[in-house]
Amino acid sequence: MVRQLWICNNCPDGCTLHLNDTDREAFIAGYKQYRVREEGSVVHGVPSIVLVDEPTYKRICESRNGIWVMRTVYANL
């Protein structure tokens, strides 16, 4: 899985998980299109490859281009 970190006001704001980089890019493009305020979450750093458990993998597969994971959870990935 591809993990992308996000920040909001220079503070960690979670991450997104994607099957591949194409899904990651589509997720980011979609997010930017519907973001209401400029000061919302923004991509932080470079994506990384992570392992996920079976239930998380299924959620990602069933999603459109990936899932959002709160910052309290992504530290365990």
C-alpha atoms as a PDB file:
ATOM      1  CA  MET A   1       0.000   0.000   0.000  1.00  0.00           C
ATOM      2  CA  VAL A   2       1.026   3.590  -0.598  1.00  0.00           C
ATOM      3  CA  ARG A   3       0.791   5.895   2.434  1.00  0.00           C
ATOM      4  CA  GLN A   4       0.631   9.680   2.043  1.00  0.00           C
ATOM      5  CA  LEU A   5       1.006  11.903   5.097  1.00  0.00           C
ATOM      6  CA  TRP A   6      -1.032  15.101   5.465  1.00  0.00           C
ATOM      7  CA  ILE A   7      -0.687  18.201   7.644  1.00  0.00           C
ATOM      8  CA  CYS A   8      -3.009  21.022   8.656  1.00  0.00           C
ATOM      9  CA  ASN A   9      -1.599  24.283  10.021  1.00  0.00           C
ATOM     10  CA  ASN A  10       1.837  22.619  10.253  1.00  0.00           C
ATOM     11  CA  CYS A  11       0.483  19.839  12.502  1.00  0.00           C
ATOM     12  CA  PRO A  12       0.070  16.154  11.551  1.00  0.00           C
ATOM     13  CA  ASP A  13      -3.436  15.500  10.260  1.00  0.00           C
ATOM     14  CA  GLY A  14      -3.417  11.813   9.405  1.00  0.00           C
ATOM     15  CA  CYS A  15      -2.631   9.923   6.255  1.00  0.00           C
ATOM     16  CA  THR A  16      -4.279   8.349   3.269  1.00  0.00           C
ATOM     17  CA  LEU A  17      -3.759   4.778   2.069  1.00  0.00           C
ATOM     18  CA  HIS A  18      -3.924   3.764  -1.590  1.00  0.00           C
ATOM     19  CA  LEU A  19      -3.436   0.630  -3.705  1.00  0.00           C
ATOM     20  CA  ASN A  20      -0.931   2.415  -5.945  1.00  0.00           C
ATOM     21  CA  ASP A  21       0.479   5.806  -6.845  1.00  0.00           C
ATOM     22  CA  THR A  22      -2.133   6.400  -9.559  1.00  0.00           C
ATOM     23  CA  ASP A  23      -4.898   6.080  -6.941  1.00  0.00           C
ATOM     24  CA  ARG A  24      -2.942   8.375  -4.609  1.00  0.00           C
ATOM     25  CA  GLU A  25      -2.668  11.069  -7.274  1.00  0.00           C
ATOM     26  CA  ALA A  26      -6.389  10.772  -8.111  1.00  0.00           C
ATOM     27  CA  PHE A  27      -7.307  11.023  -4.414  1.00  0.00           C
ATOM     28  CA  ILE A  28      -5.211  14.178  -4.004  1.00  0.00           C
ATOM     29  CA  ALA A  29      -6.677  15.748  -7.150  1.00  0.00           C
ATOM     30  CA  GLY A  30     -10.216  14.988  -5.967  1.00  0.00           C
ATOM     31  CA  TYR A  31      -9.501  16.360  -2.510  1.00  0.00           C
ATOM     32  CA  LYS A  32      -8.103  19.606  -3.927  1.00  0.00           C
ATOM     33  CA  GLN A  33     -11.153  19.991  -6.153  1.00  0.00           C
ATOM     34  CA  TYR A  34     -13.611  19.808  -3.242  1.00  0.00           C
ATOM     35  CA  ARG A  35     -11.546  21.478  -0.505  1.00  0.00           C
ATOM     36  CA  VAL A  36     -13.491  24.411   0.914  1.00  0.00           C
ATOM     37  CA  ARG A  37     -10.691  26.448   2.484  1.00  0.00           C
ATOM     38  CA  GLU A  38      -7.085  26.949   1.477  1.00  0.00           C
ATOM     39  CA  GLU A  39      -5.934  26.318   5.034  1.00  0.00           C
ATOM     40  CA  GLY A  40      -7.219  22.735   5.048  1.00  0.00           C
ATOM     41  CA  SER A  41      -5.060  19.625   5.038  1.00  0.00           C
ATOM     42  CA  VAL A  42      -2.216  19.457   2.532  1.00  0.00           C
ATOM     43  CA  VAL A  43       0.108  16.690   1.370  1.00  0.00           C
ATOM     44  CA  HIS A  44       3.254  16.403   3.468  1.00  0.00           C
ATOM     45  CA  GLY A  45       6.470  14.679   2.430  1.00  0.00           C
ATOM     46  CA  VAL A  46       6.867  11.842  -0.026  1.00  0.00           C
ATOM     47  CA  PRO A  47       4.659   8.754  -0.138  1.00  0.00           C
ATOM     48  CA  SER A  48       5.910   5.536   1.429  1.00  0.00           C
ATOM     49  CA  ILE A  49       5.106   1.851   1.099  1.00  0.00           C
ATOM     50  CA  VAL A  50       3.434   0.262   4.140  1.00  0.00           C
ATOM     51  CA  LEU A  51       1.899  -3.070   5.078  1.00  0.00           C
ATOM     52  CA  VAL A  52      -1.722  -3.184   6.244  1.00  0.00           C
ATOM     53  CA  ASP A  53      -3.936  -5.851   7.785  1.00  0.00           C
ATOM     54  CA  GLU A  54      -6.597  -7.723   5.797  1.00  0.00           C
ATOM     55  CA  PRO A  55      -9.611  -5.612   6.933  1.00  0.00           C
ATOM     56  CA  THR A  56      -7.789  -2.388   6.010  1.00  0.00           C
ATOM     57  CA  TYR A  57      -6.774  -3.851   2.652  1.00  0.00           C
ATOM     58  CA  LYS A  58     -10.411  -4.697   1.906  1.00  0.00           C
ATOM     59  CA  ARG A  59     -11.516  -1.154   2.830  1.00  0.00           C
ATOM     60  CA  ILE A  60      -8.907   0.293   0.475  1.00  0.00           C
ATOM     61  CA  CYS A  61      -9.978  -2.053  -2.345  1.00  0.00           C
ATOM     62  CA  GLU A  62     -13.621  -1.092  -1.859  1.00  0.00           C
ATOM     63  CA  SER A  63     -12.847   2.633  -1.851  1.00  0.00           C
ATOM     64  CA  ARG A  64     -12.702   4.829  -4.890  1.00  0.00           C
ATOM     65  CA  ASN A  65      -9.031   5.861  -4.685  1.00  0.00           C
ATOM     66  CA  GLY A  66      -8.025   5.259  -1.085  1.00  0.00           C
ATOM     67  CA  ILE A  67      -9.035   5.863   2.510  1.00  0.00           C
ATOM     68  CA  TRP A  68      -8.311   8.541   5.113  1.00  0.00           C
ATOM     69  CA  VAL A  69      -6.706   7.368   8.376  1.00  0.00           C
ATOM     70  CA  MET A  70      -6.684   9.593  11.457  1.00  0.00           C
ATOM     71  CA  ARG A  71      -3.292  10.577  12.865  1.00  0.00           C
ATOM     72  CA  THR A  72      -3.827   8.560  16.042  1.00  0.00           C
ATOM     73  CA  VAL A  73      -3.998   5.379  13.950  1.00  0.00           C
ATOM     74  CA  TYR A  74      -1.394   5.856  11.215  1.00  0.00           C
ATOM     75  CA  ALA A  75       1.552   5.819  13.626  1.00  0.00           C
ATOM     76  CA  ASN A  76       0.951   2.055  13.924  1.00  0.00           C
ATOM     77  CA  LEU A  77       1.367   1.430  10.181  1.00  0.00           C
END
